[in-house]
Each structure stands twice: as C-alpha cells, then as structure tokens.
Amino acid sequence: MARGPGTPILELLASFVRSRHDLKPSTLRGYEAGIRRLAARHELLRQLTADSTNEYIRDALDRRRRFL
C-alpha cells in the first residue's frame, strides 16, 4: 500500500513488521529498534529527507551508537 508524506513512521513500522515474517526474530527486533530511534527524531515520512537522514546518521556515529 502506498503511503503519503503525512504518514507517521511508526505506522510504517507496523506495516513493515507484518510484511517481514521471513526474518529471524532477532533481526526483526533490531530493525524495529532502529526504526523507533529514527522515529524519535522524525515523526512523519515527509521529514525523511536526504539531509535529515544524513544528519541522523552523522549524530549517531558521533555518539558511537547504532543508527539502524
């Protein structure tokens, strides 16, 4: 299903989790945690621009934290 720019990222996460039944539970938990960390800074899909995503990754690397 196509999503609009106003779609909350956590709504996309729920859809992603339902669609990826083929992943190992530990892999899926890791993906969920990473997307939740991203959603803490970017609530809506429209906020995921190349610049904002690069900034998020740069900040995570500066803090030496996983970004995904």
N, C-alpha and C. Protein backbone atom coordinates (compact mmCIF):
# COMPACT_ATOMS: atom_id res chain seq x y z
N MET A 1 0.84 -1.18 0.00
CA MET A 1 0.00 0.00 0.00
C MET A 1 0.89 1.24 0.00
N ALA A 2 0.58 2.19 -0.85
CA ALA A 2 1.33 3.44 -0.91
C ALA A 2 1.03 4.30 0.31
N ARG A 3 2.02 5.03 0.75
CA ARG A 3 1.87 5.91 1.91
C ARG A 3 2.12 7.34 1.49
N GLY A 4 1.39 8.25 2.11
CA GLY A 4 1.56 9.66 1.82
C GLY A 4 2.64 10.26 2.71
N PRO A 5 3.07 11.48 2.40
CA PRO A 5 4.12 12.13 3.18
C PRO A 5 3.72 12.41 4.62
N GLY A 6 2.44 12.45 4.92
CA GLY A 6 1.99 12.71 6.27
C GLY A 6 1.86 11.44 7.12
N THR A 7 2.27 10.31 6.58
CA THR A 7 2.16 9.05 7.30
C THR A 7 3.17 9.00 8.45
N PRO A 8 2.73 8.67 9.65
CA PRO A 8 3.67 8.52 10.77
C PRO A 8 4.62 7.34 10.53
N ILE A 9 5.87 7.53 10.88
CA ILE A 9 6.87 6.49 10.67
C ILE A 9 6.53 5.23 11.46
N LEU A 10 5.97 5.40 12.66
CA LEU A 10 5.64 4.21 13.45
C LEU A 10 4.51 3.40 12.80
N GLU A 11 3.66 4.04 12.01
CA GLU A 11 2.65 3.31 11.26
C GLU A 11 3.32 2.46 10.17
N LEU A 12 4.35 3.04 9.55
CA LEU A 12 5.11 2.28 8.55
C LEU A 12 5.82 1.10 9.20
N LEU A 13 6.32 1.32 10.41
CA LEU A 13 6.99 0.24 11.14
C LEU A 13 6.06 -0.94 11.34
N ALA A 14 4.84 -0.67 11.75
CA ALA A 14 3.87 -1.74 11.98
C ALA A 14 3.62 -2.52 10.69
N SER A 15 3.49 -1.81 9.59
CA SER A 15 3.27 -2.46 8.31
C SER A 15 4.49 -3.29 7.90
N PHE A 16 5.68 -2.74 8.12
CA PHE A 16 6.92 -3.43 7.79
C PHE A 16 7.04 -4.73 8.58
N VAL A 17 6.77 -4.66 9.87
CA VAL A 17 6.88 -5.85 10.73
C VAL A 17 5.91 -6.94 10.26
N ARG A 18 4.70 -6.55 9.91
CA ARG A 18 3.72 -7.54 9.42
C ARG A 18 4.19 -8.19 8.11
N SER A 19 4.84 -7.42 7.28
CA SER A 19 5.22 -7.93 5.96
C SER A 19 6.50 -8.76 5.97
N ARG A 20 7.30 -8.66 7.03
CA ARG A 20 8.59 -9.35 7.06
C ARG A 20 8.59 -10.57 7.96
N HIS A 21 7.62 -11.41 7.78
CA HIS A 21 7.50 -12.62 8.58
C HIS A 21 8.65 -13.60 8.31
N ASP A 22 9.42 -13.36 7.25
CA ASP A 22 10.51 -14.26 6.89
C ASP A 22 11.81 -13.98 7.65
N LEU A 23 11.87 -12.90 8.41
CA LEU A 23 13.08 -12.54 9.13
C LEU A 23 13.18 -13.29 10.46
N LYS A 24 14.40 -13.50 10.89
CA LYS A 24 14.61 -14.08 12.23
C LYS A 24 14.09 -13.09 13.26
N PRO A 25 13.56 -13.57 14.37
CA PRO A 25 13.06 -12.67 15.41
C PRO A 25 14.10 -11.65 15.89
N SER A 26 15.35 -12.08 16.02
CA SER A 26 16.38 -11.15 16.49
C SER A 26 16.66 -10.05 15.46
N THR A 27 16.63 -10.40 14.19
CA THR A 27 16.82 -9.41 13.13
C THR A 27 15.68 -8.41 13.13
N LEU A 28 14.47 -8.93 13.24
CA LEU A 28 13.30 -8.07 13.25
C LEU A 28 13.31 -7.12 14.44
N ARG A 29 13.72 -7.61 15.62
CA ARG A 29 13.82 -6.75 16.80
C ARG A 29 14.83 -5.63 16.58
N GLY A 30 15.94 -5.96 15.94
CA GLY A 30 16.96 -4.95 15.64
C GLY A 30 16.44 -3.89 14.69
N TYR A 31 15.74 -4.32 13.66
CA TYR A 31 15.14 -3.37 12.72
C TYR A 31 14.13 -2.48 13.43
N GLU A 32 13.29 -3.09 14.25
CA GLU A 32 12.27 -2.31 14.98
C GLU A 32 12.93 -1.26 15.87
N ALA A 33 13.96 -1.65 16.58
CA ALA A 33 14.65 -0.71 17.48
C ALA A 33 15.25 0.45 16.70
N GLY A 34 15.87 0.16 15.57
CA GLY A 34 16.47 1.21 14.75
C GLY A 34 15.43 2.17 14.19
N ILE A 35 14.32 1.64 13.73
CA ILE A 35 13.27 2.49 13.17
C ILE A 35 12.63 3.33 14.28
N ARG A 36 12.49 2.76 15.47
CA ARG A 36 11.95 3.54 16.59
C ARG A 36 12.89 4.68 16.98
N ARG A 37 14.21 4.42 16.94
CA ARG A 37 15.16 5.50 17.22
C ARG A 37 15.05 6.60 16.17
N LEU A 38 14.91 6.21 14.93
CA LEU A 38 14.76 7.19 13.85
C LEU A 38 13.46 7.96 14.01
N ALA A 39 12.39 7.28 14.37
CA ALA A 39 11.08 7.92 14.52
C ALA A 39 11.04 8.88 15.71
N ALA A 40 11.95 8.72 16.65
CA ALA A 40 12.00 9.65 17.78
C ALA A 40 12.40 11.05 17.31
N ARG A 41 13.12 11.13 16.20
CA ARG A 41 13.53 12.42 15.65
C ARG A 41 12.70 12.85 14.46
N HIS A 42 12.17 11.90 13.74
CA HIS A 42 11.42 12.18 12.51
C HIS A 42 10.08 11.47 12.61
N GLU A 43 9.08 12.18 13.01
CA GLU A 43 7.78 11.56 13.27
C GLU A 43 7.05 11.16 11.99
N LEU A 44 7.16 11.98 10.95
CA LEU A 44 6.41 11.75 9.72
C LEU A 44 7.32 11.39 8.56
N LEU A 45 6.78 10.68 7.61
CA LEU A 45 7.53 10.27 6.44
C LEU A 45 8.12 11.47 5.69
N ARG A 46 7.39 12.58 5.64
CA ARG A 46 7.88 13.75 4.91
C ARG A 46 9.15 14.34 5.51
N GLN A 47 9.43 14.01 6.75
CA GLN A 47 10.62 14.53 7.42
C GLN A 47 11.88 13.75 7.05
N LEU A 48 11.73 12.64 6.37
CA LEU A 48 12.88 11.84 5.98
C LEU A 48 13.45 12.33 4.65
N THR A 49 14.19 13.39 4.73
CA THR A 49 14.89 13.90 3.56
C THR A 49 16.31 13.36 3.58
N ALA A 50 17.02 13.51 2.49
CA ALA A 50 18.42 13.06 2.47
C ALA A 50 19.23 13.79 3.53
N ASP A 51 19.00 15.10 3.66
CA ASP A 51 19.76 15.88 4.65
C ASP A 51 19.44 15.46 6.07
N SER A 52 18.16 15.29 6.39
CA SER A 52 17.81 14.93 7.77
C SER A 52 18.28 13.52 8.11
N THR A 53 18.24 12.62 7.15
CA THR A 53 18.71 11.25 7.39
C THR A 53 20.22 11.22 7.56
N ASN A 54 20.94 11.98 6.73
CA ASN A 54 22.39 12.05 6.88
C ASN A 54 22.78 12.67 8.22
N GLU A 55 22.03 13.68 8.65
CA GLU A 55 22.29 14.30 9.95
C GLU A 55 22.07 13.29 11.08
N TYR A 56 21.02 12.52 10.98
CA TYR A 56 20.72 11.49 11.99
C TYR A 56 21.86 10.48 12.07
N ILE A 57 22.31 10.01 10.93
CA ILE A 57 23.39 9.02 10.90
C ILE A 57 24.69 9.63 11.43
N ARG A 58 24.99 10.86 11.02
CA ARG A 58 26.20 11.54 11.49
C ARG A 58 26.17 11.68 13.01
N ASP A 59 25.04 12.10 13.55
CA ASP A 59 24.91 12.25 15.01
C ASP A 59 25.09 10.90 15.71
N ALA A 60 24.51 9.85 15.15
CA ALA A 60 24.63 8.52 15.75
C ALA A 60 26.09 8.06 15.74
N LEU A 61 26.78 8.31 14.64
CA LEU A 61 28.18 7.91 14.56
C LEU A 61 29.04 8.73 15.52
N ASP A 62 28.72 10.01 15.66
CA ASP A 62 29.45 10.86 16.61
C ASP A 62 29.27 10.35 18.05
N ARG A 63 28.09 9.84 18.36
CA ARG A 63 27.82 9.29 19.68
C ARG A 63 28.24 7.83 19.78
N ARG A 64 28.72 7.29 18.64
CA ARG A 64 29.14 5.89 18.55
C ARG A 64 28.00 4.95 18.91
N ARG A 65 26.82 5.29 18.41
CA ARG A 65 25.63 4.46 18.62
C ARG A 65 25.21 3.89 17.28
N ARG A 66 24.50 2.79 17.36
CA ARG A 66 23.94 2.20 16.15
C ARG A 66 22.87 3.12 15.60
N PHE A 67 22.81 3.23 14.31
CA PHE A 67 21.76 4.07 13.73
C PHE A 67 20.69 3.24 13.08
N LEU A 68 20.91 1.98 12.88
CA LEU A 68 19.87 1.09 12.36
C LEU A 68 19.94 -0.22 13.06
